[in-house]
Amino acid sequence: MAAFFVYFLTRNLAGTMKLLILGATGRTGKELLDQALKAGISVHALVRDIDKVKMTSRNLKLFESKKLDRTALRLAMLGCDAVLSTLNISRTSEFPWSGLRTPKDFLSNTMRNVLEVANELHIKRIIVTTAWGVNETRNDIPAWFRLLIDYSNVGVAYRDHELQERLLAASQSDWTVVRPVGLTNSRKHKQIRITINNEPKPNLTISRSNVAKFMVDIYKTGDYKNEAVTISEV
């Protein structure tokens, strides 16, 4: 009750949008943090190592924790109206069979904690990135990539993304699952193609910058609530 009272006061006295970003030191997360701050949004970022965050802003408040447990999340989520996550299973290199840095159930365990704390603090909006090829989109991806998912450590992330999506779908939150296709590091702004139920068919790439812009845009507009959308560049 006390946490909700503080949350209510913070939102209504500030009168501004405020979100928590998870994964802010990752390649897509850095873009998301940059896009959110440029949009004038107040941001909380919960990270394992504050020194890895190179951005500074009066609208940015950093929280540090080695574990994304409920205690750390509760502190970072207090006063926010949404959680945006670009977390992923981390490998030691880009090589598909390289070892894992994170536990195999890192995403689903984190999502369970996020949903529990969000419910406590009456935070409804949750937007997460997973991947094209997760759940019902598995049959839409190229056959060679399905083999990679089945027979390499790439598949560990896909399987945990699947569970993460199911947890969201079963929750009472206003969730959106964003499934980007192959990610690039391009800085060029391009029009985004939205694909639902494989219509229209997605193209094969999208930049991390454009993924981040899409997430910020739908946070602001409230579009695609309780939907999973695949995004690519036109």
Protein backbone atom coordinates (compact mmCIF):
# COMPACT_ATOMS: atom_id res chain seq x y z
CA MET A 1 0.00 0.00 0.00
CA ALA A 2 2.81 2.40 0.91
CA ALA A 3 4.63 1.66 -2.37
CA PHE A 4 1.46 2.41 -4.36
CA PHE A 5 0.98 5.72 -2.49
CA VAL A 6 4.52 6.84 -3.34
CA TYR A 7 4.02 5.70 -6.95
CA PHE A 8 0.73 7.64 -7.22
CA LEU A 9 2.27 10.82 -5.82
CA THR A 10 5.36 10.58 -8.04
CA ARG A 11 3.35 10.21 -11.24
CA ASN A 12 0.77 12.85 -10.52
CA LEU A 13 3.08 15.49 -9.10
CA ALA A 14 5.67 15.08 -11.84
CA GLY A 15 3.08 14.96 -14.63
CA THR A 16 5.61 13.36 -16.97
CA MET A 17 6.19 9.99 -18.57
CA LYS A 18 8.70 7.86 -16.74
CA LEU A 19 9.81 4.38 -17.71
CA LEU A 20 12.23 1.73 -16.58
CA ILE A 21 14.63 0.31 -19.16
CA LEU A 22 16.12 -3.14 -18.65
CA GLY A 23 19.10 -4.04 -20.82
CA ALA A 24 20.29 -0.44 -21.20
CA THR A 25 23.95 -1.43 -21.64
CA GLY A 26 23.27 -3.88 -24.49
CA ARG A 27 23.52 -2.94 -28.15
CA THR A 28 19.79 -2.41 -28.62
CA GLY A 29 19.34 -1.16 -25.06
CA LYS A 30 21.82 1.67 -25.59
CA GLU A 31 19.77 2.80 -28.59
CA LEU A 32 16.57 2.58 -26.57
CA LEU A 33 18.04 4.67 -23.77
CA ASP A 34 19.25 7.28 -26.26
CA GLN A 35 15.90 7.43 -28.09
CA ALA A 36 13.89 7.72 -24.88
CA LEU A 37 16.02 10.56 -23.52
CA LYS A 38 15.90 12.40 -26.85
CA ALA A 39 12.10 12.13 -26.71
CA GLY A 40 12.13 13.97 -23.37
CA ILE A 41 11.06 10.92 -21.36
CA SER A 42 12.30 10.46 -17.80
CA VAL A 43 14.15 7.17 -17.56
CA HIS A 44 15.17 4.80 -14.82
CA ALA A 45 17.77 2.25 -15.95
CA LEU A 46 18.61 -0.82 -13.90
CA VAL A 47 22.03 -2.17 -14.89
CA ARG A 48 24.65 -4.56 -13.56
CA ASP A 49 27.47 -2.00 -13.93
CA ILE A 50 26.76 1.75 -13.87
CA ASP A 51 30.19 2.48 -15.37
CA LYS A 52 29.01 0.94 -18.66
CA VAL A 53 26.40 3.69 -19.10
CA LYS A 54 28.11 6.55 -20.92
CA MET A 55 25.08 8.84 -21.25
CA THR A 56 24.24 11.57 -18.77
CA SER A 57 21.00 13.49 -18.49
CA ARG A 58 18.92 15.19 -15.83
CA ASN A 59 16.15 12.86 -17.01
CA LEU A 60 18.18 9.71 -16.32
CA LYS A 61 18.41 7.92 -12.98
CA LEU A 62 20.63 4.86 -12.76
CA PHE A 63 20.19 1.86 -10.49
CA GLU A 64 22.83 -0.85 -10.09
CA SER A 65 22.29 -4.47 -9.13
CA LYS A 66 24.07 -7.70 -10.01
CA LYS A 67 20.72 -9.50 -9.85
CA LEU A 68 17.38 -8.51 -11.35
CA ASP A 69 15.55 -9.74 -8.29
CA ARG A 70 12.32 -8.30 -6.93
CA THR A 71 14.08 -6.03 -4.44
CA ALA A 72 16.21 -4.34 -7.11
CA LEU A 73 13.31 -4.14 -9.56
CA ARG A 74 10.96 -2.67 -6.96
CA LEU A 75 13.36 0.17 -6.22
CA ALA A 76 14.00 0.90 -9.91
CA MET A 77 10.34 0.62 -10.97
CA LEU A 78 8.98 2.93 -8.26
CA GLY A 79 7.41 5.99 -9.88
CA CYS A 80 7.48 4.52 -13.40
CA ASP A 81 4.44 3.93 -15.61
CA ALA A 82 6.03 1.34 -17.91
CA VAL A 83 8.85 -1.19 -18.26
CA LEU A 84 10.71 -1.54 -21.56
CA SER A 85 13.14 -4.44 -21.86
CA THR A 86 15.73 -5.41 -24.46
CA LEU A 87 17.26 -8.13 -22.29
CA ASN A 88 18.56 -11.25 -23.98
CA ILE A 89 20.50 -14.41 -23.24
CA SER A 90 24.18 -13.50 -23.55
CA ARG A 91 26.85 -15.71 -25.14
CA THR A 92 30.59 -15.34 -24.85
CA SER A 93 30.87 -14.55 -28.58
CA GLU A 94 28.81 -14.32 -31.77
CA PHE A 95 29.74 -17.92 -32.61
CA PRO A 96 26.42 -19.87 -32.38
CA TRP A 97 27.91 -22.65 -30.23
CA SER A 98 29.75 -20.34 -27.83
CA GLY A 99 29.08 -20.66 -24.10
CA LEU A 100 26.45 -18.75 -22.17
CA ARG A 101 27.12 -15.80 -19.88
CA THR A 102 23.61 -15.80 -18.44
CA PRO A 103 21.46 -18.62 -17.05
CA LYS A 104 19.24 -20.44 -19.55
CA ASP A 105 16.12 -19.18 -17.76
CA PHE A 106 17.36 -15.61 -17.27
CA LEU A 107 14.60 -13.99 -19.35
CA SER A 108 11.66 -15.94 -17.96
CA ASN A 109 12.82 -15.61 -14.35
CA THR A 110 13.30 -11.87 -14.79
CA MET A 111 9.86 -11.56 -16.37
CA ARG A 112 8.25 -13.35 -13.43
CA ASN A 113 9.86 -10.82 -11.10
CA VAL A 114 8.89 -7.88 -13.32
CA LEU A 115 5.26 -8.99 -13.47
CA GLU A 116 5.05 -9.49 -9.72
CA VAL A 117 6.50 -6.07 -8.92
CA ALA A 118 4.51 -4.37 -11.68
CA ASN A 119 1.34 -5.77 -10.16
CA GLU A 120 2.35 -4.45 -6.72
CA LEU A 121 3.05 -0.98 -8.10
CA HIS A 122 0.08 -0.91 -10.49
CA ILE A 123 2.30 -0.61 -13.56
CA LYS A 124 0.42 -1.93 -16.56
CA ARG A 125 2.53 -1.18 -19.64
CA ILE A 126 5.31 -3.67 -20.48
CA ILE A 127 7.13 -3.74 -23.84
CA VAL A 128 9.79 -6.35 -24.56
CA THR A 129 11.90 -7.41 -27.52
CA THR A 130 12.11 -11.10 -28.37
CA ALA A 131 12.83 -12.26 -31.93
CA TRP A 132 11.29 -13.24 -35.23
CA GLY A 133 11.07 -17.03 -35.08
CA VAL A 134 9.69 -17.21 -31.54
CA ASN A 135 6.48 -19.18 -30.90
CA GLU A 136 4.06 -19.10 -33.87
CA THR A 137 6.55 -17.25 -36.11
CA ARG A 138 8.93 -20.23 -36.07
CA ASN A 139 7.50 -21.53 -39.35
CA ASP A 140 8.00 -18.11 -40.98
CA ILE A 141 11.79 -18.02 -40.69
CA PRO A 142 14.19 -19.66 -43.17
CA ALA A 143 14.72 -23.42 -42.71
CA TRP A 144 18.47 -23.01 -42.20
CA PHE A 145 17.82 -20.70 -39.26
CA ARG A 146 15.40 -23.16 -37.67
CA LEU A 147 18.25 -25.69 -37.76
CA LEU A 148 20.56 -23.19 -36.06
CA ILE A 149 17.98 -22.63 -33.33
CA ASP A 150 17.54 -26.39 -32.83
CA TYR A 151 21.22 -27.36 -32.80
CA SER A 152 23.19 -24.44 -31.34
CA ASN A 153 23.16 -22.18 -28.30
CA VAL A 154 21.21 -19.61 -30.34
CA GLY A 155 18.20 -21.75 -29.47
CA VAL A 156 18.61 -21.18 -25.73
CA ALA A 157 17.50 -17.58 -26.12
CA TYR A 158 14.61 -18.50 -28.42
CA ARG A 159 13.26 -21.07 -25.98
CA ASP A 160 13.43 -18.65 -23.06
CA HIS A 161 11.88 -15.89 -25.19
CA GLU A 162 8.99 -18.27 -25.86
CA LEU A 163 8.40 -18.74 -22.15
CA GLN A 164 8.77 -15.01 -21.54
CA GLU A 165 6.09 -14.31 -24.15
CA ARG A 166 3.73 -16.86 -22.59
CA LEU A 167 4.14 -15.29 -19.17
CA LEU A 168 3.23 -11.90 -20.61
CA ALA A 169 0.25 -13.26 -22.52
CA ALA A 170 -1.11 -14.86 -19.34
CA SER A 171 -0.65 -11.67 -17.31
CA GLN A 172 -3.01 -8.77 -16.68
CA SER A 173 -0.53 -6.26 -18.08
CA ASP A 174 -0.87 -4.13 -21.21
CA TRP A 175 1.99 -5.90 -22.92
CA THR A 176 3.53 -5.67 -26.36
CA VAL A 177 6.02 -8.19 -27.71
CA VAL A 178 8.31 -6.73 -30.38
CA ARG A 179 9.94 -9.37 -32.60
CA PRO A 180 12.67 -7.79 -34.72
CA VAL A 181 14.14 -9.63 -37.69
CA GLY A 182 17.93 -9.68 -38.23
CA LEU A 183 19.50 -6.75 -36.38
CA THR A 184 22.00 -4.32 -37.94
CA ASN A 185 23.98 -1.39 -36.57
CA SER A 186 22.88 1.09 -39.24
CA ARG A 187 22.09 4.63 -38.06
CA LYS A 188 19.84 5.41 -41.03
CA HIS A 189 16.19 6.03 -40.24
CA LYS A 190 13.89 3.87 -42.35
CA GLN A 191 10.18 3.19 -42.48
CA ILE A 192 9.16 0.19 -40.38
CA ARG A 193 7.06 -2.68 -41.70
CA ILE A 194 4.66 -4.16 -39.13
CA THR A 195 3.89 -7.86 -39.59
CA ILE A 196 1.15 -9.75 -37.74
CA ASN A 197 0.36 -13.39 -38.57
CA ASN A 198 3.05 -13.20 -41.29
CA GLU A 199 1.13 -10.49 -43.19
CA PRO A 200 2.71 -8.71 -44.88
CA LYS A 201 5.82 -10.89 -45.06
CA PRO A 202 8.68 -9.18 -43.23
CA ASN A 203 11.95 -8.24 -44.81
CA LEU A 204 15.10 -9.72 -43.33
CA THR A 205 16.77 -6.83 -41.48
CA ILE A 206 16.13 -3.88 -39.20
CA SER A 207 18.56 -1.61 -37.36
CA ARG A 208 18.77 -1.55 -33.59
CA SER A 209 18.15 2.18 -33.80
CA ASN A 210 14.84 1.67 -35.59
CA VAL A 211 13.79 -1.05 -33.14
CA ALA A 212 14.41 1.41 -30.30
CA LYS A 213 12.46 4.16 -32.06
CA PHE A 214 9.51 1.81 -32.57
CA MET A 215 9.50 0.86 -28.88
CA VAL A 216 9.54 4.50 -27.77
CA ASP A 217 6.82 5.39 -30.28
CA ILE A 218 4.41 2.68 -29.11
CA TYR A 219 5.13 3.52 -25.48
CA LYS A 220 4.01 7.07 -26.22
CA THR A 221 0.99 6.13 -28.35
CA GLY A 222 -0.15 3.00 -26.53
CA ASP A 223 -0.44 1.08 -29.81
CA TYR A 224 -0.27 -2.73 -30.14
CA LYS A 225 -1.38 -3.54 -26.61
CA ASN A 226 -1.67 -7.29 -26.03
CA GLU A 227 -0.14 -8.04 -29.41
CA ALA A 228 3.07 -9.62 -30.70
CA VAL A 229 4.38 -7.84 -33.78
CA THR A 230 7.27 -8.64 -36.08
CA ILE A 231 9.11 -5.54 -37.31
CA SER A 232 11.44 -5.07 -40.27
CA GLU A 233 12.51 -2.21 -42.50
CA VAL A 234 10.65 -1.40 -45.70
